[in-house]
C-alpha atoms as a PDB file:
ATOM      1  CA  MET A   1       0.044  -0.208   0.392  1.00  0.00           C
ATOM      2  CA  VAL A   2       1.523   3.047  -1.234  1.00  0.00           C
ATOM      3  CA  SER A   3       1.581   5.679   1.735  1.00  0.00           C
ATOM      4  CA  GLN A   4       0.059   9.369   0.675  1.00  0.00           C
ATOM      5  CA  GLN A   5       2.510  12.167   1.116  1.00  0.00           C
ATOM      6  CA  ARG A   6       0.885  14.682   3.846  1.00  0.00           C
ATOM      7  CA  ILE A   7      -0.091  18.026   2.266  1.00  0.00           C
ATOM      8  CA  PRO A   8       0.294  20.326   5.060  1.00  0.00           C
ATOM      9  CA  ARG A   9      -2.683  22.728   6.413  1.00  0.00           C
ATOM     10  CA  ARG A  10      -2.442  26.305   5.808  1.00  0.00           C
ATOM     11  CA  GLY A  11      -3.340  27.169   9.561  1.00  0.00           C
ATOM     12  CA  PRO A  12      -5.027  30.991  10.215  1.00  0.00           C
ATOM     13  CA  CYS A  13      -1.242  31.895  10.309  1.00  0.00           C
ATOM     14  CA  TYR A  14      -1.413  32.122   6.548  1.00  0.00           C
ATOM     15  CA  ALA A  15      -4.305  33.638   6.673  1.00  0.00           C
ATOM     16  CA  SER A  16      -3.175  36.736   8.878  1.00  0.00           C
ATOM     17  CA  ALA A  17      -0.056  37.103   6.110  1.00  0.00           C
ATOM     18  CA  ARG A  18      -2.292  37.606   2.961  1.00  0.00           C
ATOM     19  CA  PHE A  19      -4.429  40.335   4.900  1.00  0.00           C
ATOM     20  CA  VAL A  20      -1.405  41.538   5.530  1.00  0.00           C
ATOM     21  CA  VAL A  21       0.338  42.270   2.012  1.00  0.00           C
ATOM     22  CA  ALA A  22      -3.516  42.697   0.793  1.00  0.00           C
ATOM     23  CA  ARG A  23      -3.718  45.789   3.149  1.00  0.00           C
ATOM     24  CA  LEU A  24       0.093  46.914   1.824  1.00  0.00           C
ATOM     25  CA  HIS A  25      -0.430  47.024  -1.698  1.00  0.00           C
ATOM     26  CA  ARG A  26      -3.816  48.928  -1.424  1.00  0.00           C
ATOM     27  CA  PRO A  27      -3.433  51.665  -3.453  1.00  0.00           C
ATOM     28  CA  GLN A  28      -3.860  54.489  -0.516  1.00  0.00           C
ATOM     29  CA  PRO A  29      -6.289  58.037  -1.207  1.00  0.00           C
ATOM     30  CA  THR A  30      -3.904  60.394  -2.085  1.00  0.00           C
ATOM     31  CA  ALA A  31      -5.153  64.302  -0.496  1.00  0.00           C
ATOM     32  CA  ALA A  32      -6.650  66.198  -3.306  1.00  0.00           C
ATOM     33  CA  ILE A  33      -4.509  69.462  -4.021  1.00  0.00           C
ATOM     34  CA  ALA A  34      -6.283  72.808  -2.767  1.00  0.00           C
ATOM     35  CA  PRO A  35      -6.171  75.137  -5.629  1.00  0.00           C
ATOM     36  CA  SER A  36      -3.879  78.476  -4.693  1.00  0.00           C
ATOM     37  CA  SER A  37      -4.901  81.160  -3.084  1.00  0.00           C
ATOM     38  CA  VAL A  38      -2.994  83.332  -4.585  1.00  0.00           C
ATOM     39  CA  SER A  39      -4.108  84.134  -8.407  1.00  0.00           C
ATOM     40  CA  PRO A  40      -2.222  86.107 -11.297  1.00  0.00           C
ATOM     41  CA  VAL A  41      -4.805  88.512 -11.172  1.00  0.00           C
ATOM     42  CA  THR A  42      -4.506  89.212  -7.306  1.00  0.00           C
ATOM     43  CA  ILE A  43      -0.255  89.345  -7.989  1.00  0.00           C
ATOM     44  CA  SER A  44      -0.880  91.953 -10.211  1.00  0.00           C
ATOM     45  CA  ALA A  45      -2.449  94.085  -8.717  1.00  0.00           C
ATOM     46  CA  THR A  46      -0.774  93.816  -5.733  1.00  0.00           C
ATOM     47  CA  PHE A  47       2.180  94.989  -8.932  1.00  0.00           C
ATOM     48  CA  ILE A  48       0.134  98.217  -9.489  1.00  0.00           C
ATOM     49  CA  GLU A  49      -1.040  99.245  -5.974  1.00  0.00           C
ATOM     50  CA  SER A  50       2.503  99.366  -4.482  1.00  0.00           C
ATOM     51  CA  GLY A  51       3.435 101.446  -7.351  1.00  0.00           C
ATOM     52  CA  LYS A  52       6.809  99.842  -8.697  1.00  0.00           C
ATOM     53  CA  LEU A  53       4.427  99.496 -12.595  1.00  0.00           C
ATOM     54  CA  ARG A  54       3.812 104.096 -12.087  1.00  0.00           C
ATOM     55  CA  ALA A  55       7.597 103.888 -11.295  1.00  0.00           C
ATOM     56  CA  PHE A  56       9.512 102.597 -13.751  1.00  0.00           C
ATOM     57  CA  LEU A  57       7.678 103.820 -16.328  1.00  0.00           C
ATOM     58  CA  ILE A  58       8.499 107.296 -14.994  1.00  0.00           C
ATOM     59  CA  HIS A  59      11.633 106.302 -14.625  1.00  0.00           C
ATOM     60  CA  LEU A  60      12.210 104.743 -18.474  1.00  0.00           C
ATOM     61  CA  ALA A  61       9.964 107.671 -19.866  1.00  0.00           C
ATOM     62  CA  LEU A  62      12.247 110.392 -18.717  1.00  0.00           C
ATOM     63  CA  SER A  63      15.565 108.068 -19.097  1.00  0.00           C
ATOM     64  CA  ALA A  64      14.393 107.746 -22.973  1.00  0.00           C
ATOM     65  CA  ALA A  65      13.627 111.523 -23.446  1.00  0.00           C
ATOM     66  CA  VAL A  66      17.368 112.128 -21.666  1.00  0.00           C
ATOM     67  CA  VAL A  67      19.134 109.724 -23.904  1.00  0.00           C
ATOM     68  CA  GLY A  68      17.385 110.620 -27.446  1.00  0.00           C
ATOM     69  CA  ALA A  69      18.315 114.019 -26.248  1.00  0.00           C
ATOM     70  CA  LEU A  70      21.167 113.063 -26.716  1.00  0.00           C
ATOM     71  CA  ALA A  71      21.208 111.098 -29.205  1.00  0.00           C
ATOM     72  CA  LEU A  72      19.902 114.302 -31.761  1.00  0.00           C
ATOM     73  CA  ALA A  73      22.608 117.012 -30.469  1.00  0.00           C
ATOM     74  CA  ALA A  74      25.371 113.870 -31.247  1.00  0.00           C
ATOM     75  CA  LEU A  75      23.932 114.051 -34.751  1.00  0.00           C
ATOM     76  CA  ALA A  76      23.211 117.136 -35.661  1.00  0.00           C
ATOM     77  CA  THR A  77      26.967 118.792 -34.578  1.00  0.00           C
ATOM     78  CA  TRP A  78      29.377 116.098 -33.413  1.00  0.00           C
ATOM     79  CA  TYR A  79      28.721 113.266 -35.074  1.00  0.00           C
ATOM     80  CA  PRO A  80      27.003 114.014 -38.603  1.00  0.00           C
ATOM     81  CA  GLN A  81      26.392 110.766 -40.610  1.00  0.00           C
ATOM     82  CA  PRO A  82      28.113 108.545 -42.246  1.00  0.00           C
ATOM     83  CA  TRP A  83      30.071 109.526 -38.982  1.00  0.00           C
ATOM     84  CA  PHE A  84      27.792 108.907 -35.615  1.00  0.00           C
ATOM     85  CA  MET A  85      28.176 104.819 -37.127  1.00  0.00           C
ATOM     86  CA  ASN A  86      30.938 103.903 -37.760  1.00  0.00           C
ATOM     87  CA  ASP A  87      33.356 107.036 -36.088  1.00  0.00           C
ATOM     88  CA  GLY A  88      32.328 106.500 -32.216  1.00  0.00           C
ATOM     89  CA  GLY A  89      28.935 107.873 -32.308  1.00  0.00           C
ATOM     90  CA  TRP A  90      26.898 104.653 -31.182  1.00  0.00           C
ATOM     91  CA  GLN A  91      29.673 102.718 -29.786  1.00  0.00           C
ATOM     92  CA  VAL A  92      28.862 105.626 -26.926  1.00  0.00           C
ATOM     93  CA  LEU A  93      25.996 106.515 -27.009  1.00  0.00           C
ATOM     94  CA  ARG A  94      24.751 101.831 -27.112  1.00  0.00           C
ATOM     95  CA  ILE A  95      26.652 101.780 -23.318  1.00  0.00           C
ATOM     96  CA  ILE A  96      25.123 104.723 -22.195  1.00  0.00           C
ATOM     97  CA  VAL A  97      21.070 103.662 -23.678  1.00  0.00           C
ATOM     98  CA  MET A  98      22.535 100.361 -21.330  1.00  0.00           C
ATOM     99  CA  VAL A  99      23.163 101.750 -18.275  1.00  0.00           C
ATOM    100  CA  ASP A 100      20.151 104.836 -18.635  1.00  0.00           C
ATOM    101  CA  VAL A 101      17.782 103.508 -20.143  1.00  0.00           C
ATOM    102  CA  VAL A 102      17.531 100.147 -19.392  1.00  0.00           C
ATOM    103  CA  LEU A 103      19.848  99.375 -15.688  1.00  0.00           C
ATOM    104  CA  GLY A 104      18.251 102.592 -13.847  1.00  0.00           C
ATOM    105  CA  PRO A 105      14.736 101.838 -14.753  1.00  0.00           C
ATOM    106  CA  LEU A 106      14.853  98.674 -13.660  1.00  0.00           C
ATOM    107  CA  LEU A 107      16.482  99.498 -10.104  1.00  0.00           C
ATOM    108  CA  THR A 108      13.800 101.230  -9.816  1.00  0.00           C
ATOM    109  CA  LEU A 109      11.562  97.996 -10.724  1.00  0.00           C
ATOM    110  CA  MET A 110      13.391  96.628  -8.234  1.00  0.00           C
ATOM    111  CA  VAL A 111      13.825  98.663  -4.925  1.00  0.00           C
ATOM    112  CA  PHE A 112      10.507 100.763  -4.948  1.00  0.00           C
ATOM    113  CA  ARG A 113       7.413  99.572  -3.313  1.00  0.00           C
ATOM    114  CA  ARG A 114       4.848 102.739  -2.226  1.00  0.00           C
ATOM    115  CA  GLY A 115       6.082 103.668   1.139  1.00  0.00           C
ATOM    116  CA  LYS A 116       9.410 101.878   1.732  1.00  0.00           C
ATOM    117  CA  PRO A 117      11.924 103.324   3.877  1.00  0.00           C
ATOM    118  CA  GLY A 118      15.223 104.771   2.410  1.00  0.00           C
ATOM    119  CA  LEU A 119      13.038 104.650  -0.634  1.00  0.00           C
ATOM    120  CA  ARG A 120      13.849 108.750  -1.408  1.00  0.00           C
ATOM    121  CA  ARG A 121      17.575 107.240  -0.262  1.00  0.00           C
ATOM    122  CA  ASP A 122      18.033 104.034  -3.187  1.00  0.00           C
ATOM    123  CA  LEU A 123      16.469 106.797  -5.732  1.00  0.00           C
ATOM    124  CA  GLY A 124      18.573 109.095  -5.566  1.00  0.00           C
ATOM    125  CA  ILE A 125      22.175 106.613  -5.272  1.00  0.00           C
ATOM    126  CA  ILE A 126      20.221 105.555  -8.773  1.00  0.00           C
ATOM    127  CA  ALA A 127      19.487 108.973 -10.223  1.00  0.00           C
ATOM    128  CA  ALA A 128      23.456 110.047  -9.143  1.00  0.00           C
ATOM    129  CA  VAL A 129      24.783 107.089 -11.878  1.00  0.00           C
ATOM    130  CA  GLN A 130      22.051 107.556 -14.669  1.00  0.00           C
ATOM    131  CA  ILE A 131      24.293 111.299 -14.424  1.00  0.00           C
ATOM    132  CA  ALA A 132      27.481 110.384 -14.357  1.00  0.00           C
ATOM    133  CA  ALA A 133      27.467 107.583 -16.792  1.00  0.00           C
ATOM    134  CA  LEU A 134      25.339 110.277 -18.906  1.00  0.00           C
ATOM    135  CA  ALA A 135      27.622 113.581 -18.416  1.00  0.00           C
ATOM    136  CA  TYR A 136      30.883 110.645 -18.867  1.00  0.00           C
ATOM    137  CA  GLY A 137      30.135 109.629 -22.076  1.00  0.00           C
ATOM    138  CA  ALA A 138      28.032 113.257 -24.581  1.00  0.00           C
ATOM    139  CA  MET A 139      32.093 114.168 -22.513  1.00  0.00           C
ATOM    140  CA  LEU A 140      33.653 110.898 -24.341  1.00  0.00           C
ATOM    141  CA  MET A 141      31.547 111.688 -27.463  1.00  0.00           C
ATOM    142  CA  VAL A 142      32.614 115.716 -27.880  1.00  0.00           C
ATOM    143  CA  GLN A 143      36.188 114.902 -27.012  1.00  0.00           C
ATOM    144  CA  HIS A 144      36.756 112.233 -29.310  1.00  0.00           C
ATOM    145  CA  ARG A 145      34.498 112.880 -32.612  1.00  0.00           C
ATOM    146  CA  PRO A 146      35.997 113.150 -35.397  1.00  0.00           C
ATOM    147  CA  ALA A 147      37.769 116.375 -36.583  1.00  0.00           C
ATOM    148  CA  PHE A 148      39.069 116.224 -39.844  1.00  0.00           C
ATOM    149  CA  ILE A 149      39.284 113.542 -42.610  1.00  0.00           C
ATOM    150  CA  VAL A 150      42.589 113.326 -43.878  1.00  0.00           C
ATOM    151  CA  TYR A 151      44.140 112.101 -47.379  1.00  0.00           C
ATOM    152  CA  VAL A 152      47.048 110.575 -46.528  1.00  0.00           C
ATOM    153  CA  GLU A 153      49.174 107.719 -48.496  1.00  0.00           C
ATOM    154  CA  ASN A 154      46.685 107.831 -51.122  1.00  0.00           C
ATOM    155  CA  ASN A 155      43.646 106.841 -48.617  1.00  0.00           C
ATOM    156  CA  PHE A 156      41.152 109.116 -46.144  1.00  0.00           C
ATOM    157  CA  PHE A 157      40.902 108.824 -42.970  1.00  0.00           C
ATOM    158  CA  THR A 158      39.465 110.454 -40.126  1.00  0.00           C
ATOM    159  CA  VAL A 159      41.102 112.020 -37.255  1.00  0.00           C
ATOM    160  CA  THR A 160      39.668 112.716 -33.553  1.00  0.00           C
ATOM    161  CA  TRP A 161      41.096 116.452 -31.648  1.00  0.00           C
ATOM    162  CA  PRO A 162      42.739 114.352 -28.997  1.00  0.00           C
ATOM    163  CA  GLU A 163      44.920 112.322 -31.476  1.00  0.00           C
ATOM    164  CA  ILE A 164      45.984 115.934 -33.597  1.00  0.00           C
ATOM    165  CA  GLY A 165      46.528 117.312 -30.200  1.00  0.00           C
ATOM    166  CA  LYS A 166      49.271 114.734 -28.965  1.00  0.00           C
ATOM    167  CA  LEU A 167      51.140 115.471 -32.291  1.00  0.00           C
ATOM    168  CA  THR A 168      50.002 119.957 -33.119  1.00  0.00           C
ATOM    169  CA  GLN A 169      51.589 121.929 -31.461  1.00  0.00           C
ATOM    170  CA  ASP A 170      50.305 125.225 -33.712  1.00  0.00           C
ATOM    171  CA  LEU A 171      45.870 123.967 -33.407  1.00  0.00           C
ATOM    172  CA  GLU A 172      45.260 128.065 -34.056  1.00  0.00           C
ATOM    173  CA  ARG A 173      45.766 127.469 -37.510  1.00  0.00           C
ATOM    174  CA  LEU A 174      43.711 124.207 -38.066  1.00  0.00           C
ATOM    175  CA  GLN A 175      40.821 126.576 -36.898  1.00  0.00           C
ATOM    176  CA  ARG A 176      41.319 128.032 -40.682  1.00  0.00           C
ATOM    177  CA  PHE A 177      40.799 124.695 -42.118  1.00  0.00           C
ATOM    178  CA  ARG A 178      37.205 123.928 -40.881  1.00  0.00           C
ATOM    179  CA  HIS A 179      36.123 127.472 -40.639  1.00  0.00           C
ATOM    180  CA  ALA A 180      36.419 127.180 -44.929  1.00  0.00           C
ATOM    181  CA  GLY A 181      32.696 124.885 -45.379  1.00  0.00           C
ATOM    182  CA  ALA A 182      30.327 122.860 -43.356  1.00  0.00           C
ATOM    183  CA  GLY A 183      30.567 119.071 -42.503  1.00  0.00           C
ATOM    184  CA  LEU A 184      33.858 118.535 -41.719  1.00  0.00           C
ATOM    185  CA  PRO A 185      36.976 119.282 -43.026  1.00  0.00           C
ATOM    186  CA  PHE A 186      39.086 117.459 -45.961  1.00  0.00           C
ATOM    187  CA  VAL A 187      42.916 117.794 -45.986  1.00  0.00           C
ATOM    188  CA  ARG A 188      45.943 116.324 -47.000  1.00  0.00           C
ATOM    189  CA  VAL A 189      49.131 115.622 -45.030  1.00  0.00           C
ATOM    190  CA  ALA A 190      51.822 117.387 -46.947  1.00  0.00           C
ATOM    191  CA  MET A 191      54.877 114.442 -46.961  1.00  0.00           C
ATOM    192  CA  PRO A 192      58.243 115.519 -47.103  1.00  0.00           C
ATOM    193  CA  GLU A 193      59.114 115.854 -51.012  1.00  0.00           C
ATOM    194  CA  ASP A 194      62.680 113.447 -50.567  1.00  0.00           C
ATOM    195  CA  LEU A 195      62.040 109.837 -50.705  1.00  0.00           C
ATOM    196  CA  ARG A 196      64.777 109.458 -47.188  1.00  0.00           C
ATOM    197  CA  GLU A 197      62.983 111.860 -45.455  1.00  0.00           C
ATOM    198  CA  ARG A 198      59.380 111.129 -45.924  1.00  0.00           C
ATOM    199  CA  ASN A 199      60.854 107.297 -44.611  1.00  0.00           C
ATOM    200  CA  ARG A 200      62.751 108.235 -41.758  1.00  0.00           C
ATOM    201  CA  LEU A 201      59.300 110.438 -41.139  1.00  0.00           C
ATOM    202  CA  ARG A 202      56.653 106.457 -41.639  1.00  0.00           C
ATOM    203  CA  ASP A 203      59.683 104.921 -39.325  1.00  0.00           C
ATOM    204  CA  ALA A 204      59.804 108.112 -36.665  1.00  0.00           C
ATOM    205  CA  MET A 205      56.053 107.963 -36.694  1.00  0.00           C
ATOM    206  CA  ARG A 206      56.011 103.548 -36.718  1.00  0.00           C
ATOM    207  CA  GLU A 207      58.378 103.512 -33.525  1.00  0.00           C
ATOM    208  CA  GLY A 208      56.375 106.393 -32.068  1.00  0.00           C
ATOM    209  CA  GLY A 209      53.374 104.402 -32.325  1.00  0.00           C
ATOM    210  CA  TRP A 210      51.866 107.478 -33.332  1.00  0.00           C
ATOM    211  CA  LEU A 211      49.877 108.317 -36.239  1.00  0.00           C
ATOM    212  CA  ILE A 212      50.684 110.179 -39.510  1.00  0.00           C
ATOM    213  CA  THR A 213      47.260 110.925 -40.492  1.00  0.00           C
ATOM    214  CA  ALA A 214      47.102 113.629 -36.377  1.00  0.00           C
ATOM    215  CA  LEU A 215      50.439 115.430 -37.688  1.00  0.00           C
ATOM    216  CA  GLY A 216      47.898 119.003 -37.627  1.00  0.00           C
ATOM    217  CA  ASP A 217      51.355 121.096 -38.182  1.00  0.00           C
ATOM    218  CA  ARG A 218      51.427 119.694 -41.261  1.00  0.00           C
ATOM    219  CA  TYR A 219      48.234 120.482 -43.019  1.00  0.00           C
ATOM    220  CA  ALA A 220      47.353 121.790 -45.787  1.00  0.00           C
ATOM    221  CA  ALA A 221      44.439 121.863 -47.972  1.00  0.00           C
ATOM    222  CA  ILE A 222      43.602 120.232 -50.578  1.00  0.00           C
ATOM    223  CA  THR A 223      44.533 121.909 -54.062  1.00  0.00           C
ATOM    224  CA  PRO A 224      41.757 121.187 -57.230  1.00  0.00           C
ATOM    225  CA  ALA A 225      44.607 118.596 -59.381  1.00  0.00           C
ATOM    226  CA  GLU A 226      45.040 116.680 -56.314  1.00  0.00           C
ATOM    227  CA  TRP A 227      41.472 116.070 -55.933  1.00  0.00           C
ATOM    228  CA  GLU A 228      41.793 115.142 -59.251  1.00  0.00           C
ATOM    229  CA  GLY A 229      44.329 112.917 -59.049  1.00  0.00           C
ATOM    230  CA  ILE A 230      42.261 111.067 -55.509  1.00  0.00           C
ATOM    231  CA  TYR A 231      39.779 110.043 -58.156  1.00  0.00           C
ATOM    232  CA  ARG A 232      41.285 108.797 -60.474  1.00  0.00           C
ATOM    233  CA  LEU A 233      42.539 106.252 -58.022  1.00  0.00           C
ATOM    234  CA  GLY A 234      38.903 106.282 -56.820  1.00  0.00           C
ATOM    235  CA  VAL A 235      36.638 103.110 -57.006  1.00  0.00           C
ATOM    236  CA  SER A 236      35.950 101.728 -59.751  1.00  0.00           C
ATOM    237  CA  ILE A 237      31.821 101.691 -58.726  1.00  0.00           C
ATOM    238  CA  GLU A 238      30.532 100.621 -62.035  1.00  0.00           C
ATOM    239  CA  ALA A 239      32.622  97.224 -61.979  1.00  0.00           C
ATOM    240  CA  LEU A 240      31.793  96.706 -58.423  1.00  0.00           C
ATOM    241  CA  ALA A 241      28.277  96.923 -59.066  1.00  0.00           C
ATOM    242  CA  ARG A 242      27.937  94.480 -61.698  1.00  0.00           C
ATOM    243  CA  GLN A 243      29.679  91.917 -59.513  1.00  0.00           C
ATOM    244  CA  ASP A 244      27.571  92.583 -56.796  1.00  0.00           C
ATOM    245  CA  GLU A 245      23.032  93.322 -56.470  1.00  0.00           C
ATOM    246  CA  ALA A 246      23.743  94.875 -53.440  1.00  0.00           C
ATOM    247  CA  ILE A 247      26.171  98.243 -54.900  1.00  0.00           C
ATOM    248  CA  ALA A 248      24.074  98.123 -58.190  1.00  0.00           C
ATOM    249  CA  ARG A 249      20.839  98.601 -55.260  1.00  0.00           C
ATOM    250  CA  GLU A 250      23.049 101.458 -53.595  1.00  0.00           C
ATOM    251  CA  LEU A 251      24.552 103.017 -56.933  1.00  0.00           C
ATOM    252  CA  GLU A 252      20.585 103.237 -58.407  1.00  0.00           C
ATOM    253  CA  ARG A 253      19.239 104.738 -54.650  1.00  0.00           C
ATOM    254  CA  VAL A 254      22.174 107.587 -54.524  1.00  0.00           C
ATOM    255  CA  THR A 255      21.710 108.526 -58.740  1.00  0.00           C
ATOM    256  CA  ARG A 256      18.619 108.473 -58.065  1.00  0.00           C
ATOM    257  CA  THR A 257      18.377 109.916 -55.204  1.00  0.00           C
ATOM    258  CA  HIS A 258      20.516 112.791 -56.766  1.00  0.00           C
ATOM    259  CA  GLY A 259      18.948 113.233 -59.427  1.00  0.00           C
ATOM    260  CA  LEU A 260      22.900 112.773 -61.229  1.00  0.00           C
ATOM    261  CA  PRO A 261      24.729 110.943 -63.834  1.00  0.00           C
ATOM    262  CA  ILE A 262      27.768 109.103 -62.459  1.00  0.00           C
ATOM    263  CA  GLU A 263      30.626 110.077 -64.895  1.00  0.00           C
ATOM    264  CA  GLN A 264      29.697 113.359 -62.281  1.00  0.00           C
ATOM    265  CA  LEU A 265      30.152 111.299 -59.052  1.00  0.00           C
ATOM    266  CA  ALA A 266      33.652 110.372 -57.196  1.00  0.00           C
ATOM    267  CA  PHE A 267      33.942 107.301 -55.250  1.00  0.00           C
ATOM    268  CA  VAL A 268      36.380 107.399 -53.292  1.00  0.00           C
ATOM    269  CA  PRO A 269      36.887 105.454 -49.897  1.00  0.00           C
ATOM    270  CA  VAL A 270      37.495 106.925 -46.235  1.00  0.00           C
ATOM    271  CA  THR A 271      38.778 104.666 -43.006  1.00  0.00           C
ATOM    272  CA  CYS A 272      37.094 105.532 -40.275  1.00  0.00           C
ATOM    273  CA  ARG A 273      37.713 103.933 -36.363  1.00  0.00           C
ATOM    274  CA  TYR A 274      35.064 101.287 -36.875  1.00  0.00           C
ATOM    275  CA  GLY A 275      34.668 100.576 -40.642  1.00  0.00           C
ATOM    276  CA  VAL A 276      35.771 101.736 -44.337  1.00  0.00           C
ATOM    277  CA  VAL A 277      32.574 104.140 -46.026  1.00  0.00           C
ATOM    278  CA  LEU A 278      32.578 104.733 -49.786  1.00  0.00           C
ATOM    279  CA  GLY A 279      31.798 108.742 -49.927  1.00  0.00           C
ATOM    280  CA  VAL A 280      29.829 110.048 -52.720  1.00  0.00           C
ATOM    281  CA  PHE A 281      31.697 113.034 -54.013  1.00  0.00           C
ATOM    282  CA  LYS A 282      30.147 115.450 -56.837  1.00  0.00           C
ATOM    283  CA  ARG A 283      33.575 116.346 -59.316  1.00  0.00           C
ATOM    284  CA  ASN A 284      32.960 119.711 -59.996  1.00  0.00           C
ATOM    285  CA  THR A 285      32.103 121.267 -56.168  1.00  0.00           C
ATOM    286  CA  ARG A 286      34.479 118.681 -53.787  1.00  0.00           C
ATOM    287  CA  GLU A 287      31.432 117.896 -51.724  1.00  0.00           C
ATOM    288  CA  LEU A 288      30.615 115.215 -49.899  1.00  0.00           C
ATOM    289  CA  ILE A 289      26.671 114.404 -50.744  1.00  0.00           C
ATOM    290  CA  ASP A 290      26.615 110.245 -49.971  1.00  0.00           C
ATOM    291  CA  TRP A 291      27.991 107.602 -48.886  1.00  0.00           C
ATOM    292  CA  MET A 292      27.650 103.619 -49.162  1.00  0.00           C
ATOM    293  CA  THR A 293      27.938 101.687 -46.737  1.00  0.00           C
END
């Protein structure tokens, strides 16, 4: 007789273990997330009531008006186009814009709160920094404005007063060039006729780190014959227009604007501190009437 294997019976301990496991794996109810009591509308109302927005807009409007007036003054007197964008005007003005039009109003937005202790002191510090930056920037624009357009070594270069002042003894003599006509005066550097003297002057200027264009004592008026020579060394604009559509469009704009044929115009490069401008000259009057960049 085959003995049967005895199967152990599952007692109450087994049932209790199953009950515990089931409780552990039962999904627990999640607590309902209460909606935030602070809504965007409440935040906006609090922001407006604090006076921050009004103070920011007033500060922004005043700063923009002052910097805009400075820009107009620069364009009208110190940096007429094309020199504003290519010879230092815009490069200084954009720093002033960042400090006075952007940074100043943003600081006011951060510190302003109606009834805040020390608010006047904070606003006064911000205003003082802005005024200092504006005054310093305006001083730089005036001091380093282009003073002359100088022809030397078969090229025109813009030169500032600080550069001229370092190497020129008779500054009063230069005033007669400035009174000769409107706009920036065009002059040439009278280089020595002797080739050895000319090379010696070049070497001395190079060793000293100076600019030949700043030798104000050697400035001389450009004669009509010299102007014709400058025109002959200028750019063949028609050849460039055939190679570049952008130049062709600019050439069409110039001729259409002034109503002059190309034969009456000369195109001569002018090297500025921050770029090269292709000056458009009227041949018979030797006047700079337009430019191409």
